[in-house]
Amino acid sequence: MKSQIGVHRPVDLARVHGLSAQAVRNYERAGVIPPAGRTASGYRVYTDDHAGALAAYLALIPGYGYPAAGEIMRAVLRDDLEAALSVLDGAHVQLRRDRDTVTSVAAALVEVPSGPPSDRPLPVGVLAHRLGVTPATLRKWERAGILAPARSKGARLYSPDDVRDAELAHLLRRGGYLLDHISAVIEQVRAAGGPAPLAASIEQWRARLTARGRAMLTGSARLSDYLDSWRADSAESGQTYAAPPVGVTGGAAGSGGSQRGKSR
């Protein structure tokens, strides 16, 4: 079977990816690569299946992050492809949401009023009239986390930043965006320090999303390659994990009293 073509030490797998041998052992303990085989003296021995799993895991990290990459590989190694694909799907849904947020922010910033804001806070009725909405609408936006006006003697007072956020929210609402999406946009505006700094970072934001999307493609392709070879080997051997080479004892990392002291 293919999994027995190559026999590798931890350092052999580590060297390919610029890792330490200890990192490979840590990944094994974390369950993101199959358990190593063991020699009669208790030393770890890896196969081509382990090398493929490690390559797939490391390729997933840039696009999906450490937690998701680990969850994906653990699902694959327990032969639960549906669970692995569910994690992949969730990451792509989030990427799409992030793209939509960038698009809506960019569109809103084109229309946001550029005149100097008034230094005086506005009461709810004045701001509602200015936007052409009802005070109840502003209170609804507040409950959604879009606005956070101060209060004076129980009355809402909207600062210049609050007015800016309300104007952005109004533009996005007219564009058909839902309140939870608008709330995410406003959060980005606040974090950037206002529309102008955010506008300057839009292209960088888009570039990061593009890089993440490309990294997801690369990771998914490497995972698909591993699934093809791993499933072929499993079908031949009838095992979920790769079998250790002939002459090597099986067992998970750290199992067996005489083996726990061995780190190689």
Foldseek 3Di string as FASTA:
>chain_A
DQQQPDKDALCVLCVVVVHDSVVLVVCLVLQQFDFFFAFPQQGGIGTVLRSLSVVLLVLQCLQQNNVLSSQLSNCLLVVNNVSNVVSLVVSVVVLVLLVVLLVLLLVLLVVQDDDDFDQFWDFLVVLCVVLVHDSVVVVVLVVLQQADFDDDPRTGTAGSLRSSSVSSLSVVVVVVDDSNSSNVNSVLQVVLPHSVSSNVCSVVSVVSSVVSVVSSVRSVVSVVVSSVVQVVQCVVVVDSHDDHHPNTHGDGPCPDPSNNVHSD
